[in-house]
Amino acid sequence: MEEKRLEKWIEMTERTLLAGVKLQSINHGEPIQVDVLPEGWELLGAGNYAGVFVHRDAQDIAVKVYAPGREGWEAEREVYRRLGNHPAYSTCYHASKSNDLEYLMLRRLEGKTLYKCVLEGVIIEDRIIAEIDAALDYAREQGLFPHDVHGKNVMVSSDDRGLVVDVSDFLKEEPCMMWDDLKKAYNRIYMPFLSKHSMPVPEWVMNGVRKGYRWVRSSSR
């Protein structure tokens, strides 16, 4: 990003978003809650650690703000430092603290998650899976440990490329089988039955699959 524009949006973010937003983590196992959102800003999504915001005049910049008392900002900043500039990942333009809030200023990734593609009946080509695989291999080469990679954290971009959206847990060294399990489901279920025809899958079916997967994984520990 051009330096003057970056400086402008750092100042704008700290003066408006960080000074006015009110967010809290009520339950550490549930998404954070945003109680007050300053004018001009939109909530893109809320996770267990942080909320992601975009300003109406800078749609290509996403600002991830950590809820007070939640850990992870320093780790995610380090993950982006190691990843550098890679087309399958966002880029961290700036990381700082303001008004007692920790935040990351990121290149916004746009597209549809694999989860949403299945819901809407959008065909997921095997090339997309291979591109995400290659991106995860790249992360490992940088000394990272891809973790929590599932259908809501990987995406088909608006220009039809595989993207990895959430890297916040890539410093966790314990094994994570989510991506391997997703690939098995893709090869054994999606490719034979859904890859040739555009057929939306009801959300209640997807929720049932998700709950069943969690039960199987938890009982196998």
Protein backbone atom coordinates (compact mmCIF):
# COMPACT_ATOMS: atom_id res chain seq x y z
CA MET A 1 0.00 0.00 0.00
CA GLU A 2 1.19 3.52 -0.77
CA GLU A 3 2.74 5.03 2.37
CA LYS A 4 0.70 8.24 2.53
CA ARG A 5 -2.56 6.32 2.17
CA LEU A 6 -1.48 3.91 4.88
CA GLU A 7 -0.67 6.77 7.24
CA LYS A 8 -4.06 8.33 6.53
CA TRP A 9 -5.95 5.15 7.38
CA ILE A 10 -3.93 4.41 10.48
CA GLU A 11 -4.86 7.88 11.76
CA MET A 12 -8.51 7.44 10.68
CA THR A 13 -8.75 4.00 12.27
CA GLU A 14 -7.35 5.11 15.61
CA ARG A 15 -9.31 8.36 15.70
CA THR A 16 -12.71 6.90 14.79
CA LEU A 17 -12.92 3.10 15.04
CA LEU A 18 -10.59 2.47 17.98
CA ALA A 19 -11.82 5.54 19.86
CA GLY A 20 -15.51 4.67 19.46
CA VAL A 21 -16.01 0.93 19.11
CA LYS A 22 -17.25 -1.02 22.11
CA LEU A 23 -16.70 -4.75 21.97
CA GLN A 24 -16.47 -7.46 24.58
CA SER A 25 -15.87 -11.16 24.98
CA ILE A 26 -18.68 -12.48 27.16
CA ASN A 27 -18.03 -16.18 26.64
CA HIS A 28 -14.58 -17.29 25.47
CA GLY A 29 -16.14 -20.07 23.43
CA GLU A 30 -18.50 -17.76 21.53
CA PRO A 31 -18.00 -14.85 19.06
CA ILE A 32 -17.21 -11.47 20.59
CA GLN A 33 -20.06 -8.98 20.95
CA VAL A 34 -19.97 -5.51 19.35
CA ASP A 35 -22.09 -3.08 21.35
CA VAL A 36 -21.16 0.23 19.67
CA LEU A 37 -19.96 0.72 16.09
CA PRO A 38 -18.77 4.18 14.97
CA GLU A 39 -20.37 5.80 11.93
CA GLY A 40 -18.85 4.83 8.62
CA TRP A 41 -17.64 1.43 9.82
CA GLU A 42 -19.17 -1.98 9.10
CA LEU A 43 -18.68 -5.25 10.96
CA LEU A 44 -17.51 -7.89 8.48
CA GLY A 45 -17.41 -10.72 10.98
CA ALA A 46 -16.91 -11.65 14.62
CA GLY A 47 -14.77 -14.49 15.91
CA ASN A 48 -13.97 -15.76 19.38
CA TYR A 49 -11.02 -13.38 19.71
CA ALA A 50 -11.78 -10.32 17.60
CA GLY A 51 -14.06 -8.44 15.24
CA VAL A 52 -13.15 -7.50 11.67
CA PHE A 53 -14.26 -4.11 10.38
CA VAL A 54 -14.18 -2.17 7.11
CA HIS A 55 -14.78 1.52 6.40
CA ARG A 56 -17.14 2.52 3.61
CA ASP A 57 -14.38 4.65 2.01
CA ALA A 58 -11.66 1.97 2.14
CA GLN A 59 -13.26 -1.31 1.14
CA ASP A 60 -9.89 -2.94 0.42
CA ILE A 61 -8.68 -2.60 4.04
CA ALA A 62 -9.88 -4.83 6.87
CA VAL A 63 -9.18 -3.91 10.49
CA LYS A 64 -9.12 -6.76 12.99
CA VAL A 65 -9.69 -5.53 16.55
CA TYR A 66 -9.10 -7.86 19.48
CA ALA A 67 -11.57 -7.80 22.36
CA PRO A 68 -10.17 -6.58 25.69
CA GLY A 69 -8.65 -9.43 27.66
CA ARG A 70 -8.32 -11.78 24.69
CA GLU A 71 -4.90 -13.13 23.79
CA GLY A 72 -3.65 -13.74 20.27
CA TRP A 73 -2.72 -10.35 18.83
CA GLU A 74 1.04 -10.79 19.22
CA ALA A 75 0.91 -14.34 17.83
CA GLU A 76 -1.12 -13.34 14.78
CA ARG A 77 1.18 -10.40 14.12
CA GLU A 78 4.11 -12.84 14.12
CA VAL A 79 2.29 -15.21 11.75
CA TYR A 80 1.78 -12.42 9.21
CA ARG A 81 5.41 -11.37 9.59
CA ARG A 82 6.52 -14.88 8.64
CA LEU A 83 4.04 -15.21 5.79
CA GLY A 84 5.12 -11.94 4.19
CA ASN A 85 3.45 -11.31 0.84
CA HIS A 86 1.77 -14.41 -0.55
CA PRO A 87 -1.25 -14.33 -2.89
CA ALA A 88 -3.22 -16.92 -0.88
CA TYR A 89 -3.00 -14.94 2.36
CA SER A 90 -3.84 -11.46 3.51
CA THR A 91 -1.03 -8.96 4.10
CA CYS A 92 -0.59 -7.16 7.41
CA TYR A 93 0.00 -3.48 6.68
CA HIS A 94 0.20 -2.36 10.29
CA ALA A 95 -0.13 -3.72 13.83
CA SER A 96 -0.50 -1.50 16.86
CA LYS A 97 -2.39 -0.65 20.05
CA SER A 98 -4.68 2.34 20.53
CA ASN A 99 -7.25 3.22 23.21
CA ASP A 100 -6.28 0.03 25.04
CA LEU A 101 -7.26 -2.05 22.00
CA GLU A 102 -4.91 -4.20 19.91
CA TYR A 103 -5.50 -4.26 16.16
CA LEU A 104 -4.19 -5.43 12.80
CA MET A 105 -4.68 -3.54 9.54
CA LEU A 106 -4.97 -6.12 6.76
CA ARG A 107 -5.51 -6.44 3.04
CA ARG A 108 -9.15 -7.47 2.69
CA LEU A 109 -9.78 -10.85 1.07
CA GLU A 110 -13.00 -11.13 -0.92
CA GLY A 111 -14.81 -14.17 -2.21
CA LYS A 112 -16.91 -17.09 -0.92
CA THR A 113 -15.88 -19.54 1.76
CA LEU A 114 -15.98 -23.20 0.78
CA TYR A 115 -18.79 -23.60 3.31
CA LYS A 116 -20.85 -20.93 1.54
CA CYS A 117 -20.05 -22.44 -1.87
CA VAL A 118 -21.60 -25.73 -0.76
CA LEU A 119 -24.62 -23.93 0.71
CA GLU A 120 -25.21 -22.05 -2.55
CA GLY A 121 -24.35 -24.88 -4.92
CA VAL A 122 -21.27 -23.13 -6.33
CA ILE A 123 -18.89 -25.68 -7.86
CA ILE A 124 -15.55 -26.02 -6.03
CA GLU A 125 -12.91 -27.12 -8.52
CA ASP A 126 -10.14 -29.46 -7.39
CA ARG A 127 -7.67 -26.76 -8.49
CA ILE A 128 -8.89 -24.61 -5.57
CA ILE A 129 -8.15 -27.41 -3.10
CA ALA A 130 -4.67 -27.83 -4.61
CA GLU A 131 -3.98 -24.08 -4.33
CA ILE A 132 -4.98 -24.07 -0.66
CA ASP A 133 -2.80 -27.14 -0.09
CA ALA A 134 0.15 -25.33 -1.67
CA ALA A 135 -0.49 -22.26 0.49
CA LEU A 136 -0.48 -24.40 3.65
CA ASP A 137 2.77 -26.04 2.56
CA TYR A 138 4.25 -22.56 2.12
CA ALA A 139 3.20 -21.68 5.68
CA ARG A 140 4.94 -24.80 6.98
CA GLU A 141 8.10 -23.78 5.13
CA GLN A 142 8.01 -20.53 7.13
CA GLY A 143 8.00 -22.49 10.40
CA LEU A 144 4.23 -22.26 10.92
CA PHE A 145 1.67 -24.92 11.81
CA PRO A 146 -1.61 -24.59 9.88
CA HIS A 147 -4.36 -24.98 12.45
CA ASP A 148 -8.15 -24.65 12.44
CA VAL A 149 -8.31 -24.79 8.63
CA HIS A 150 -11.92 -25.66 7.81
CA GLY A 151 -14.65 -24.75 5.34
CA LYS A 152 -15.37 -21.34 6.88
CA ASN A 153 -11.69 -20.35 7.00
CA VAL A 154 -10.76 -21.02 3.36
CA MET A 155 -12.19 -19.24 0.38
CA VAL A 156 -12.58 -19.07 -3.39
CA SER A 157 -11.56 -15.51 -4.25
CA SER A 158 -13.53 -13.17 -6.50
CA ASP A 159 -10.94 -13.88 -9.21
CA ASP A 160 -11.26 -17.67 -8.69
CA ARG A 161 -8.21 -18.53 -6.57
CA GLY A 162 -7.86 -20.52 -3.36
CA LEU A 163 -7.35 -18.37 -0.25
CA VAL A 164 -6.66 -19.02 3.44
CA VAL A 165 -8.62 -16.50 5.49
CA ASP A 166 -7.81 -17.16 9.16
CA VAL A 167 -4.21 -17.68 10.32
CA SER A 168 -4.64 -16.68 13.96
CA ASP A 169 -3.76 -20.15 15.30
CA PHE A 170 -0.80 -20.91 13.01
CA LEU A 171 1.70 -20.86 15.90
CA LYS A 172 -0.05 -23.72 17.71
CA GLU A 173 2.16 -26.79 17.37
CA GLU A 174 -0.36 -29.48 18.29
CA PRO A 175 -1.65 -31.53 15.34
CA CYS A 176 -4.86 -30.39 13.65
CA MET A 177 -6.63 -32.75 11.24
CA MET A 178 -9.41 -30.41 10.08
CA TRP A 179 -7.98 -29.72 6.62
CA ASP A 180 -7.07 -33.37 6.00
CA ASP A 181 -10.58 -34.39 7.05
CA LEU A 182 -12.13 -31.75 4.78
CA LYS A 183 -10.08 -33.04 1.83
CA LYS A 184 -11.25 -36.59 2.53
CA ALA A 185 -14.87 -35.41 2.52
CA TYR A 186 -14.22 -33.47 -0.69
CA ASN A 187 -12.75 -36.51 -2.47
CA ARG A 188 -15.15 -39.14 -1.12
CA ILE A 189 -18.43 -37.23 -1.00
CA TYR A 190 -18.25 -33.90 -2.81
CA MET A 191 -16.45 -35.04 -5.99
CA PRO A 192 -18.65 -38.10 -6.67
CA PHE A 193 -22.01 -36.51 -5.81
CA LEU A 194 -21.87 -32.70 -5.95
CA SER A 195 -19.01 -31.59 -8.22
CA LYS A 196 -20.81 -32.11 -11.54
CA HIS A 197 -24.09 -30.40 -10.73
CA SER A 198 -24.93 -27.08 -9.13
CA MET A 199 -27.07 -28.19 -6.19
CA PRO A 200 -27.43 -26.10 -3.01
CA VAL A 201 -27.18 -27.99 0.27
CA PRO A 202 -29.56 -26.85 3.06
CA GLU A 203 -27.90 -25.25 6.05
CA TRP A 204 -29.56 -27.70 8.45
CA VAL A 205 -27.74 -30.51 6.63
CA MET A 206 -24.41 -28.66 6.90
CA ASN A 207 -25.00 -28.02 10.61
CA GLY A 208 -25.74 -31.70 11.13
CA VAL A 209 -22.52 -32.67 9.36
CA ARG A 210 -20.56 -30.16 11.44
CA LYS A 211 -22.00 -31.44 14.73
CA GLY A 212 -21.45 -35.04 13.69
CA TYR A 213 -17.84 -34.27 12.79
CA ARG A 214 -17.23 -32.66 16.19
CA TRP A 215 -18.74 -35.66 17.96
CA VAL A 216 -16.62 -38.15 16.01
CA ARG A 217 -13.44 -36.12 16.61
CA SER A 218 -14.12 -35.64 20.33
CA SER A 219 -14.92 -39.32 20.89
CA SER A 220 -11.76 -40.43 19.07
CA ARG A 221 -9.44 -38.53 21.44
